[in-house]
Amino acid sequence: MKKLSMDELNRKTVEEFRRSEKTPVIAVLENVRSAYNVGSVFRTADAFLLQGIYLTGYTCFPPHKEIKKTALGAEQSVAWQHFANATEAIQVLKADGFKVYAVEQVQNSISLATLDCKPGEKIAVVFGNEVTGVEEETLKHCEGCIEIPQLGMKHSLNIATAAGVVLWEIIRNRMIVPQ
């Protein structure tokens, strides 16, 4: 077994990334207080060729030193927009044909294990504040809530970890794996 070299990984340049067909998925970050978490979501969005990220409320946005530290350049490749609040972002998403889900523990949530995403379906996923989660007002504008099955005592994940888990599950069946 041998680790792959940078050349063998066939990484895209920023320009190649921008020209690539994107997965019709948008991550919405609502009032995320840690710029490191924001940067991590940028990196995940780059890894999965997401259409973009919507940053809402007091979530910080590029250019930002701490985003840059964890995004490792993904803040240059991934399209992003900032909105005053998540409701405004959701209105734009719905007008563009997106189904919008929040990642939150609520009554009648949809288990991530049973979420049914059709290939090509436009999906946006709202991830909330590290402590308070997705705002109640925001939940009212979503199609439903996705819940990550958890078995331990805490029943919560860091937003960057939750984003990685949820976004991977949404795109994994849509991926065309290069040979």
N, C-alpha and C. Protein backbone atom coordinates (compact mmCIF):
# COMPACT_ATOMS: atom_id res chain seq x y z
N MET A 1 0.85 -1.17 0.00
CA MET A 1 0.00 0.00 0.00
C MET A 1 0.89 1.24 0.00
N LYS A 2 0.54 2.21 -0.86
CA LYS A 2 1.33 3.42 -1.02
C LYS A 2 0.39 4.62 -1.05
N LYS A 3 0.75 5.64 -0.27
CA LYS A 3 -0.04 6.86 -0.31
C LYS A 3 0.06 7.49 -1.70
N LEU A 4 -1.03 8.09 -2.14
CA LEU A 4 -1.03 8.76 -3.44
C LEU A 4 -0.32 10.10 -3.34
N SER A 5 0.41 10.43 -4.39
CA SER A 5 1.07 11.73 -4.46
C SER A 5 0.05 12.80 -4.84
N MET A 6 0.42 14.05 -4.73
CA MET A 6 -0.47 15.14 -5.11
C MET A 6 -0.88 15.00 -6.58
N ASP A 7 0.04 14.63 -7.46
CA ASP A 7 -0.29 14.47 -8.88
C ASP A 7 -1.27 13.32 -9.08
N GLU A 8 -1.09 12.23 -8.35
CA GLU A 8 -1.97 11.07 -8.49
C GLU A 8 -3.38 11.33 -7.98
N LEU A 9 -3.56 12.33 -7.11
CA LEU A 9 -4.88 12.66 -6.59
C LEU A 9 -5.75 13.39 -7.60
N ASN A 10 -5.14 13.87 -8.68
CA ASN A 10 -5.88 14.59 -9.74
C ASN A 10 -6.74 15.72 -9.19
N ARG A 11 -6.18 16.53 -8.34
CA ARG A 11 -6.92 17.64 -7.75
C ARG A 11 -7.20 18.71 -8.79
N LYS A 12 -8.37 19.30 -8.67
CA LYS A 12 -8.76 20.38 -9.58
C LYS A 12 -8.08 21.68 -9.17
N THR A 13 -7.83 22.52 -10.13
CA THR A 13 -7.42 23.88 -9.82
C THR A 13 -8.68 24.66 -9.44
N VAL A 14 -8.51 25.86 -8.92
CA VAL A 14 -9.67 26.69 -8.59
C VAL A 14 -10.52 26.92 -9.83
N GLU A 15 -9.87 27.19 -10.95
CA GLU A 15 -10.60 27.43 -12.21
C GLU A 15 -11.33 26.17 -12.67
N GLU A 16 -10.68 25.01 -12.58
CA GLU A 16 -11.34 23.76 -12.96
C GLU A 16 -12.54 23.49 -12.06
N PHE A 17 -12.39 23.79 -10.77
CA PHE A 17 -13.50 23.62 -9.83
C PHE A 17 -14.67 24.52 -10.24
N ARG A 18 -14.38 25.76 -10.51
CA ARG A 18 -15.44 26.72 -10.87
C ARG A 18 -16.17 26.31 -12.14
N ARG A 19 -15.46 25.68 -13.09
CA ARG A 19 -16.08 25.25 -14.35
C ARG A 19 -16.80 23.91 -14.23
N SER A 20 -16.53 23.15 -13.17
CA SER A 20 -17.11 21.81 -13.00
C SER A 20 -18.61 21.88 -12.73
N GLU A 21 -19.31 20.85 -13.20
CA GLU A 21 -20.74 20.73 -12.88
C GLU A 21 -20.86 20.46 -11.38
N LYS A 22 -21.72 21.21 -10.72
CA LYS A 22 -21.86 21.11 -9.27
C LYS A 22 -23.02 20.21 -8.88
N THR A 23 -22.93 19.66 -7.69
CA THR A 23 -24.03 18.93 -7.10
C THR A 23 -25.06 19.96 -6.68
N PRO A 24 -26.35 19.81 -7.04
CA PRO A 24 -27.34 20.84 -6.72
C PRO A 24 -27.75 20.81 -5.24
N VAL A 25 -26.76 21.07 -4.41
CA VAL A 25 -26.96 21.10 -2.95
C VAL A 25 -26.30 22.36 -2.43
N ILE A 26 -27.02 23.05 -1.53
CA ILE A 26 -26.48 24.26 -0.90
C ILE A 26 -26.55 24.08 0.60
N ALA A 27 -25.44 24.36 1.27
CA ALA A 27 -25.39 24.36 2.73
C ALA A 27 -25.70 25.78 3.20
N VAL A 28 -26.62 25.90 4.14
CA VAL A 28 -26.98 27.19 4.72
C VAL A 28 -26.50 27.19 6.16
N LEU A 29 -25.67 28.16 6.51
CA LEU A 29 -25.18 28.26 7.88
C LEU A 29 -25.86 29.43 8.56
N GLU A 30 -26.59 29.14 9.63
CA GLU A 30 -27.34 30.17 10.34
C GLU A 30 -26.69 30.49 11.68
N ASN A 31 -26.21 31.72 11.80
CA ASN A 31 -25.64 32.21 13.06
C ASN A 31 -24.59 31.28 13.65
N VAL A 32 -23.70 30.79 12.79
CA VAL A 32 -22.60 29.94 13.25
C VAL A 32 -21.52 30.87 13.79
N ARG A 33 -21.19 30.69 15.05
CA ARG A 33 -20.28 31.65 15.69
C ARG A 33 -18.80 31.37 15.46
N SER A 34 -18.44 30.13 15.16
CA SER A 34 -17.03 29.79 14.98
C SER A 34 -16.62 29.86 13.51
N ALA A 35 -15.68 30.74 13.24
CA ALA A 35 -15.15 30.85 11.88
C ALA A 35 -14.44 29.57 11.47
N TYR A 36 -13.89 28.84 12.43
CA TYR A 36 -13.25 27.56 12.12
C TYR A 36 -14.29 26.56 11.60
N ASN A 37 -15.48 26.55 12.19
CA ASN A 37 -16.55 25.68 11.69
C ASN A 37 -16.97 26.10 10.29
N VAL A 38 -17.06 27.39 10.05
CA VAL A 38 -17.41 27.89 8.71
C VAL A 38 -16.38 27.41 7.69
N GLY A 39 -15.11 27.55 8.02
CA GLY A 39 -14.05 27.11 7.12
C GLY A 39 -14.12 25.62 6.85
N SER A 40 -14.44 24.85 7.86
CA SER A 40 -14.56 23.40 7.68
C SER A 40 -15.70 23.05 6.73
N VAL A 41 -16.81 23.79 6.81
CA VAL A 41 -17.92 23.53 5.90
C VAL A 41 -17.54 23.92 4.48
N PHE A 42 -16.76 24.98 4.31
CA PHE A 42 -16.26 25.33 2.98
C PHE A 42 -15.45 24.17 2.41
N ARG A 43 -14.62 23.56 3.23
CA ARG A 43 -13.80 22.44 2.76
C ARG A 43 -14.66 21.24 2.36
N THR A 44 -15.69 20.97 3.15
CA THR A 44 -16.61 19.88 2.82
C THR A 44 -17.35 20.19 1.53
N ALA A 45 -17.80 21.43 1.37
CA ALA A 45 -18.51 21.84 0.16
C ALA A 45 -17.61 21.68 -1.07
N ASP A 46 -16.35 21.98 -0.93
CA ASP A 46 -15.40 21.80 -2.03
C ASP A 46 -15.24 20.31 -2.33
N ALA A 47 -15.08 19.49 -1.30
CA ALA A 47 -14.87 18.05 -1.49
C ALA A 47 -16.01 17.40 -2.24
N PHE A 48 -17.24 17.87 -2.00
CA PHE A 48 -18.42 17.26 -2.61
C PHE A 48 -18.96 18.05 -3.80
N LEU A 49 -18.21 19.06 -4.26
CA LEU A 49 -18.62 19.89 -5.41
C LEU A 49 -20.03 20.47 -5.23
N LEU A 50 -20.30 20.98 -4.03
CA LEU A 50 -21.61 21.58 -3.79
C LEU A 50 -21.79 22.84 -4.63
N GLN A 51 -23.03 23.15 -4.92
CA GLN A 51 -23.34 24.36 -5.69
C GLN A 51 -22.92 25.61 -4.92
N GLY A 52 -22.99 25.57 -3.60
CA GLY A 52 -22.54 26.73 -2.84
C GLY A 52 -22.90 26.66 -1.38
N ILE A 53 -22.60 27.76 -0.71
CA ILE A 53 -22.89 27.94 0.71
C ILE A 53 -23.57 29.29 0.88
N TYR A 54 -24.64 29.31 1.68
CA TYR A 54 -25.29 30.56 2.06
C TYR A 54 -24.99 30.80 3.53
N LEU A 55 -24.39 31.93 3.81
CA LEU A 55 -24.01 32.31 5.16
C LEU A 55 -25.02 33.34 5.65
N THR A 56 -25.65 33.09 6.80
CA THR A 56 -26.73 33.96 7.24
C THR A 56 -26.51 34.48 8.65
N GLY A 57 -27.17 35.61 8.93
CA GLY A 57 -27.09 36.20 10.26
C GLY A 57 -25.67 36.64 10.57
N TYR A 58 -25.22 36.34 11.78
CA TYR A 58 -23.88 36.78 12.18
C TYR A 58 -22.78 35.77 11.84
N THR A 59 -23.10 34.77 11.03
CA THR A 59 -22.06 33.87 10.53
C THR A 59 -21.03 34.71 9.78
N CYS A 60 -19.77 34.53 10.10
CA CYS A 60 -18.74 35.33 9.41
C CYS A 60 -18.56 34.81 7.98
N PHE A 61 -17.92 35.60 7.15
CA PHE A 61 -17.74 35.23 5.75
C PHE A 61 -16.37 35.70 5.27
N PRO A 62 -15.88 35.10 4.18
CA PRO A 62 -14.57 35.48 3.65
C PRO A 62 -14.54 36.94 3.21
N PRO A 63 -13.39 37.57 3.23
CA PRO A 63 -12.13 37.03 3.75
C PRO A 63 -12.10 37.09 5.27
N HIS A 64 -11.62 36.02 5.87
CA HIS A 64 -11.53 35.93 7.33
C HIS A 64 -10.40 34.96 7.66
N LYS A 65 -9.52 35.39 8.54
CA LYS A 65 -8.31 34.62 8.89
C LYS A 65 -8.64 33.20 9.36
N GLU A 66 -9.63 33.04 10.23
CA GLU A 66 -9.94 31.72 10.78
C GLU A 66 -10.65 30.82 9.76
N ILE A 67 -11.46 31.41 8.89
CA ILE A 67 -12.06 30.62 7.80
C ILE A 67 -10.94 30.10 6.92
N LYS A 68 -10.04 30.98 6.55
CA LYS A 68 -8.92 30.61 5.67
C LYS A 68 -8.09 29.47 6.26
N LYS A 69 -7.91 29.50 7.58
CA LYS A 69 -7.08 28.49 8.24
C LYS A 69 -7.66 27.08 8.09
N THR A 70 -8.98 26.92 8.20
CA THR A 70 -9.57 25.59 8.09
C THR A 70 -10.07 25.26 6.69
N ALA A 71 -10.40 26.26 5.91
CA ALA A 71 -10.90 26.02 4.55
C ALA A 71 -9.78 25.60 3.61
N LEU A 72 -8.57 26.01 3.91
CA LEU A 72 -7.40 25.66 3.09
C LEU A 72 -7.59 25.97 1.61
N GLY A 73 -8.18 27.12 1.31
CA GLY A 73 -8.35 27.55 -0.07
C GLY A 73 -9.75 27.31 -0.62
N ALA A 74 -10.56 26.51 0.06
CA ALA A 74 -11.91 26.23 -0.43
C ALA A 74 -12.78 27.48 -0.45
N GLU A 75 -12.45 28.47 0.36
CA GLU A 75 -13.22 29.72 0.35
C GLU A 75 -13.00 30.48 -0.96
N GLN A 76 -11.98 30.09 -1.72
CA GLN A 76 -11.72 30.68 -3.04
C GLN A 76 -12.46 29.95 -4.16
N SER A 77 -12.74 28.66 -3.93
CA SER A 77 -13.36 27.86 -5.00
C SER A 77 -14.87 27.74 -4.87
N VAL A 78 -15.39 27.66 -3.65
CA VAL A 78 -16.81 27.44 -3.43
C VAL A 78 -17.58 28.77 -3.50
N ALA A 79 -18.64 28.79 -4.29
CA ALA A 79 -19.50 29.98 -4.39
C ALA A 79 -20.22 30.18 -3.06
N TRP A 80 -20.34 31.43 -2.63
CA TRP A 80 -21.05 31.71 -1.39
C TRP A 80 -21.75 33.06 -1.48
N GLN A 81 -22.78 33.19 -0.65
CA GLN A 81 -23.51 34.45 -0.52
C GLN A 81 -23.82 34.68 0.95
N HIS A 82 -23.93 35.94 1.32
CA HIS A 82 -24.33 36.27 2.69
C HIS A 82 -25.72 36.90 2.68
N PHE A 83 -26.55 36.48 3.63
CA PHE A 83 -27.91 37.02 3.78
C PHE A 83 -28.07 37.52 5.22
N ALA A 84 -28.91 38.53 5.39
CA ALA A 84 -29.16 39.09 6.72
C ALA A 84 -29.71 38.03 7.67
N ASN A 85 -30.53 37.11 7.15
CA ASN A 85 -31.09 36.06 7.99
C ASN A 85 -31.42 34.84 7.12
N ALA A 86 -31.68 33.73 7.78
CA ALA A 86 -31.94 32.49 7.06
C ALA A 86 -33.25 32.53 6.29
N THR A 87 -34.24 33.23 6.81
CA THR A 87 -35.53 33.32 6.12
C THR A 87 -35.36 33.94 4.74
N GLU A 88 -34.56 34.98 4.66
CA GLU A 88 -34.28 35.63 3.37
C GLU A 88 -33.60 34.64 2.42
N ALA A 89 -32.63 33.88 2.92
CA ALA A 89 -31.93 32.89 2.10
C ALA A 89 -32.89 31.81 1.62
N ILE A 90 -33.77 31.35 2.50
CA ILE A 90 -34.72 30.29 2.15
C ILE A 90 -35.69 30.77 1.08
N GLN A 91 -36.11 32.01 1.15
CA GLN A 91 -36.99 32.55 0.11
C GLN A 91 -36.31 32.50 -1.26
N VAL A 92 -35.04 32.85 -1.31
CA VAL A 92 -34.29 32.81 -2.56
C VAL A 92 -34.15 31.36 -3.03
N LEU A 93 -33.85 30.46 -2.12
CA LEU A 93 -33.69 29.05 -2.47
C LEU A 93 -34.98 28.45 -3.03
N LYS A 94 -36.09 28.71 -2.37
CA LYS A 94 -37.37 28.16 -2.83
C LYS A 94 -37.76 28.74 -4.19
N ALA A 95 -37.48 30.01 -4.40
CA ALA A 95 -37.77 30.62 -5.70
C ALA A 95 -36.94 29.97 -6.80
N ASP A 96 -35.79 29.40 -6.42
CA ASP A 96 -34.91 28.73 -7.38
C ASP A 96 -35.18 27.23 -7.44
N GLY A 97 -36.26 26.76 -6.80
CA GLY A 97 -36.65 25.36 -6.90
C GLY A 97 -36.02 24.41 -5.92
N PHE A 98 -35.42 24.92 -4.86
CA PHE A 98 -34.79 24.07 -3.86
C PHE A 98 -35.80 23.61 -2.81
N LYS A 99 -35.67 22.36 -2.37
CA LYS A 99 -36.34 21.89 -1.17
C LYS A 99 -35.39 22.22 -0.02
N VAL A 100 -35.94 22.78 1.04
CA VAL A 100 -35.08 23.23 2.15
C VAL A 100 -35.40 22.42 3.41
N TYR A 101 -34.35 21.83 3.98
CA TYR A 101 -34.47 21.07 5.21
C TYR A 101 -33.53 21.66 6.25
N ALA A 102 -33.95 21.61 7.51
CA ALA A 102 -33.06 21.99 8.61
C ALA A 102 -32.50 20.72 9.21
N VAL A 103 -31.31 20.80 9.78
CA VAL A 103 -30.75 19.69 10.54
C VAL A 103 -31.02 20.03 12.00
N GLU A 104 -32.01 19.35 12.56
CA GLU A 104 -32.44 19.69 13.92
C GLU A 104 -33.23 18.53 14.52
N GLN A 105 -33.18 18.41 15.82
CA GLN A 105 -33.93 17.39 16.55
C GLN A 105 -35.29 17.98 16.91
N VAL A 106 -36.33 17.52 16.21
CA VAL A 106 -37.69 18.00 16.43
C VAL A 106 -38.64 16.80 16.37
N GLN A 107 -39.88 17.02 16.81
CA GLN A 107 -40.89 15.99 16.64
C GLN A 107 -41.09 15.73 15.15
N ASN A 108 -41.26 14.47 14.80
CA ASN A 108 -41.49 14.05 13.42
C ASN A 108 -40.35 14.38 12.47
N SER A 109 -39.13 14.43 13.00
CA SER A 109 -37.98 14.66 12.12
C SER A 109 -37.79 13.44 11.21
N ILE A 110 -37.05 13.66 10.14
CA ILE A 110 -36.73 12.60 9.18
C ILE A 110 -35.36 12.07 9.55
N SER A 111 -35.26 10.79 9.81
CA SER A 111 -33.95 10.22 10.10
C SER A 111 -33.07 10.32 8.86
N LEU A 112 -31.85 10.73 9.05
CA LEU A 112 -30.92 10.81 7.92
C LEU A 112 -30.80 9.45 7.23
N ALA A 113 -30.96 8.39 8.01
CA ALA A 113 -30.85 7.04 7.45
C ALA A 113 -31.97 6.73 6.46
N THR A 114 -33.09 7.44 6.55
CA THR A 114 -34.23 7.16 5.65
C THR A 114 -34.51 8.30 4.68
N LEU A 115 -33.70 9.34 4.70
CA LEU A 115 -33.91 10.47 3.80
C LEU A 115 -33.81 10.00 2.35
N ASP A 116 -34.80 10.35 1.55
CA ASP A 116 -34.85 9.93 0.15
C ASP A 116 -34.61 11.14 -0.74
N CYS A 117 -33.43 11.22 -1.30
CA CYS A 117 -33.08 12.32 -2.21
C CYS A 117 -32.97 11.78 -3.62
N LYS A 118 -33.72 12.35 -4.50
CA LYS A 118 -33.71 11.93 -5.90
C LYS A 118 -32.50 12.54 -6.62
N PRO A 119 -31.89 11.79 -7.54
CA PRO A 119 -30.79 12.36 -8.32
C PRO A 119 -31.24 13.63 -9.03
N GLY A 120 -30.43 14.66 -8.95
CA GLY A 120 -30.73 15.93 -9.61
C GLY A 120 -31.64 16.85 -8.81
N GLU A 121 -32.26 16.34 -7.74
CA GLU A 121 -33.15 17.15 -6.91
C GLU A 121 -32.33 18.26 -6.22
N LYS A 122 -32.86 19.47 -6.27
CA LYS A 122 -32.20 20.60 -5.62
C LYS A 122 -32.54 20.60 -4.13
N ILE A 123 -31.50 20.52 -3.30
CA ILE A 123 -31.71 20.45 -1.86
C ILE A 123 -30.81 21.46 -1.16
N ALA A 124 -31.39 22.16 -0.20
CA ALA A 124 -30.62 23.04 0.67
C ALA A 124 -30.79 22.54 2.09
N VAL A 125 -29.72 22.61 2.86
CA VAL A 125 -29.74 22.10 4.23
C VAL A 125 -29.25 23.20 5.16
N VAL A 126 -30.08 23.52 6.17
CA VAL A 126 -29.76 24.57 7.13
C VAL A 126 -29.10 23.96 8.36
N PHE A 127 -27.93 24.46 8.69
CA PHE A 127 -27.20 24.06 9.89
C PHE A 127 -27.19 25.27 10.82
N GLY A 128 -27.53 25.06 12.09
CA GLY A 128 -27.69 26.17 13.01
C GLY A 128 -26.51 26.43 13.92
N ASN A 129 -26.73 27.35 14.81
CA ASN A 129 -25.75 27.78 15.81
C ASN A 129 -25.27 26.59 16.65
N GLU A 130 -24.01 26.65 17.07
CA GLU A 130 -23.39 25.57 17.82
C GLU A 130 -24.10 25.25 19.14
N VAL A 131 -24.75 26.22 19.73
CA VAL A 131 -25.41 26.01 21.03
C VAL A 131 -26.93 25.92 20.89
N THR A 132 -27.52 26.85 20.16
CA THR A 132 -28.99 26.94 20.11
C THR A 132 -29.60 26.24 18.89
N GLY A 133 -28.79 25.82 17.95
CA GLY A 133 -29.31 25.12 16.77
C GLY A 133 -29.99 26.06 15.79
N VAL A 134 -30.89 25.50 14.99
CA VAL A 134 -31.63 26.27 13.99
C VAL A 134 -32.75 27.04 14.69
N GLU A 135 -32.91 28.31 14.35
CA GLU A 135 -33.92 29.16 14.97
C GLU A 135 -35.33 28.63 14.70
N GLU A 136 -36.22 28.79 15.69
CA GLU A 136 -37.62 28.37 15.54
C GLU A 136 -38.27 29.01 14.31
N GLU A 137 -38.02 30.28 14.09
CA GLU A 137 -38.61 30.98 12.94
C GLU A 137 -38.14 30.35 11.63
N THR A 138 -36.90 29.95 11.57
CA THR A 138 -36.34 29.32 10.38
C THR A 138 -37.01 27.97 10.12
N LEU A 139 -37.25 27.21 11.17
CA LEU A 139 -37.88 25.89 11.03
C LEU A 139 -39.23 25.99 10.33
N LYS A 140 -39.95 27.07 10.57
CA LYS A 140 -41.27 27.26 9.97
C LYS A 140 -41.22 27.34 8.44
N HIS A 141 -40.07 27.69 7.88
CA HIS A 141 -39.94 27.87 6.44
C HIS A 141 -39.33 26.65 5.74
N CYS A 142 -39.04 25.61 6.51
CA CYS A 142 -38.40 24.41 5.95
C CYS A 142 -39.42 23.33 5.63
N GLU A 143 -39.07 22.49 4.65
CA GLU A 143 -39.91 21.34 4.25
C GLU A 143 -40.00 20.35 5.40
N GLY A 144 -38.96 20.25 6.17
CA GLY A 144 -38.89 19.30 7.27
C GLY A 144 -37.53 19.40 7.93
N CYS A 145 -37.31 18.53 8.90
CA CYS A 145 -36.04 18.51 9.62
C CYS A 145 -35.40 17.13 9.51
N ILE A 146 -34.13 17.14 9.26
CA ILE A 146 -33.33 15.92 9.19
C ILE A 146 -32.64 15.75 10.54
N GLU A 147 -32.67 14.54 11.03
CA GLU A 147 -31.99 14.25 12.30
C GLU A 147 -30.97 13.14 12.07
N ILE A 148 -29.77 13.35 12.57
CA ILE A 148 -28.72 12.34 12.48
C ILE A 148 -28.92 11.35 13.63
N PRO A 149 -29.11 10.06 13.33
CA PRO A 149 -29.26 9.08 14.41
C PRO A 149 -28.00 9.08 15.29
N GLN A 150 -28.21 9.18 16.58
CA GLN A 150 -27.10 9.19 17.53
C GLN A 150 -27.41 8.25 18.68
N LEU A 151 -26.42 7.53 19.13
CA LEU A 151 -26.64 6.47 20.11
C LEU A 151 -26.06 6.76 21.49
N GLY A 152 -25.21 7.75 21.58
CA GLY A 152 -24.52 8.02 22.84
C GLY A 152 -25.29 8.92 23.78
N MET A 153 -24.59 9.47 24.74
CA MET A 153 -25.18 10.30 25.78
C MET A 153 -25.43 11.72 25.31
N LYS A 154 -24.58 12.28 24.50
CA LYS A 154 -24.63 13.71 24.15
C LYS A 154 -25.75 14.07 23.17
N HIS A 155 -26.00 13.26 22.17
CA HIS A 155 -27.03 13.55 21.16
C HIS A 155 -26.84 14.91 20.51
N SER A 156 -25.59 15.26 20.26
CA SER A 156 -25.29 16.45 19.47
C SER A 156 -23.91 16.29 18.87
N LEU A 157 -23.73 16.92 17.72
CA LEU A 157 -22.44 16.90 17.04
C LEU A 157 -22.01 18.33 16.76
N ASN A 158 -20.72 18.53 16.65
CA ASN A 158 -20.21 19.83 16.21
C ASN A 158 -20.78 20.10 14.82
N ILE A 159 -21.07 21.35 14.54
CA ILE A 159 -21.72 21.70 13.26
C ILE A 159 -20.88 21.25 12.06
N ALA A 160 -19.58 21.36 12.14
CA ALA A 160 -18.73 20.94 11.02
C ALA A 160 -18.83 19.43 10.81
N THR A 161 -18.89 18.68 11.89
CA THR A 161 -19.04 17.23 11.80
C THR A 161 -20.42 16.88 11.25
N ALA A 162 -21.46 17.52 11.79
CA ALA A 162 -22.83 17.27 11.32
C ALA A 162 -22.95 17.58 9.84
N ALA A 163 -22.34 18.68 9.40
CA ALA A 163 -22.40 19.04 7.98
C ALA A 163 -21.74 17.96 7.12
N GLY A 164 -20.60 17.46 7.55
CA GLY A 164 -19.93 16.41 6.80
C GLY A 164 -20.78 15.16 6.67
N VAL A 165 -21.39 14.75 7.77
CA VAL A 165 -22.23 13.54 7.78
C VAL A 165 -23.45 13.73 6.87
N VAL A 166 -24.18 14.81 7.06
CA VAL A 166 -25.42 15.04 6.31
C VAL A 166 -25.14 15.25 4.82
N LEU A 167 -24.17 16.09 4.52
CA LEU A 167 -23.89 16.38 3.11
C LEU A 167 -23.39 15.14 2.37
N TRP A 168 -22.57 14.34 3.02
CA TRP A 168 -22.12 13.10 2.40
C TRP A 168 -23.29 12.18 2.10
N GLU A 169 -24.19 12.02 3.05
CA GLU A 169 -25.34 11.14 2.85
C GLU A 169 -26.22 11.63 1.70
N ILE A 170 -26.37 12.94 1.58
CA ILE A 170 -27.21 13.49 0.51
C ILE A 170 -26.58 13.28 -0.86
N ILE A 171 -25.27 13.41 -0.95
CA ILE A 171 -24.66 13.33 -2.29
C ILE A 171 -24.09 11.96 -2.64
N ARG A 172 -23.96 11.06 -1.70
CA ARG A 172 -23.22 9.82 -1.99
C ARG A 172 -23.84 8.99 -3.11
N ASN A 173 -25.15 8.94 -3.21
CA ASN A 173 -25.78 8.16 -4.27
C ASN A 173 -25.81 8.90 -5.60
N ARG A 174 -25.44 10.17 -5.60
CA ARG A 174 -25.42 10.96 -6.83
C ARG A 174 -24.02 10.99 -7.45
N MET A 175 -23.05 10.56 -6.70
CA MET A 175 -21.66 10.68 -7.14
C MET A 175 -21.33 9.77 -8.30
N ILE A 176 -20.55 10.30 -9.21
CA ILE A 176 -19.95 9.50 -10.26
C ILE A 176 -18.48 9.41 -9.88
N VAL A 177 -18.08 8.25 -9.45
CA VAL A 177 -16.72 8.08 -8.96
C VAL A 177 -15.77 7.91 -10.14
N PRO A 178 -14.77 8.81 -10.24
CA PRO A 178 -13.81 8.68 -11.35
C PRO A 178 -13.01 7.37 -11.24
N GLN A 179 -12.76 6.76 -12.37
CA GLN A 179 -11.98 5.52 -12.39
C GLN A 179 -10.52 5.80 -12.61
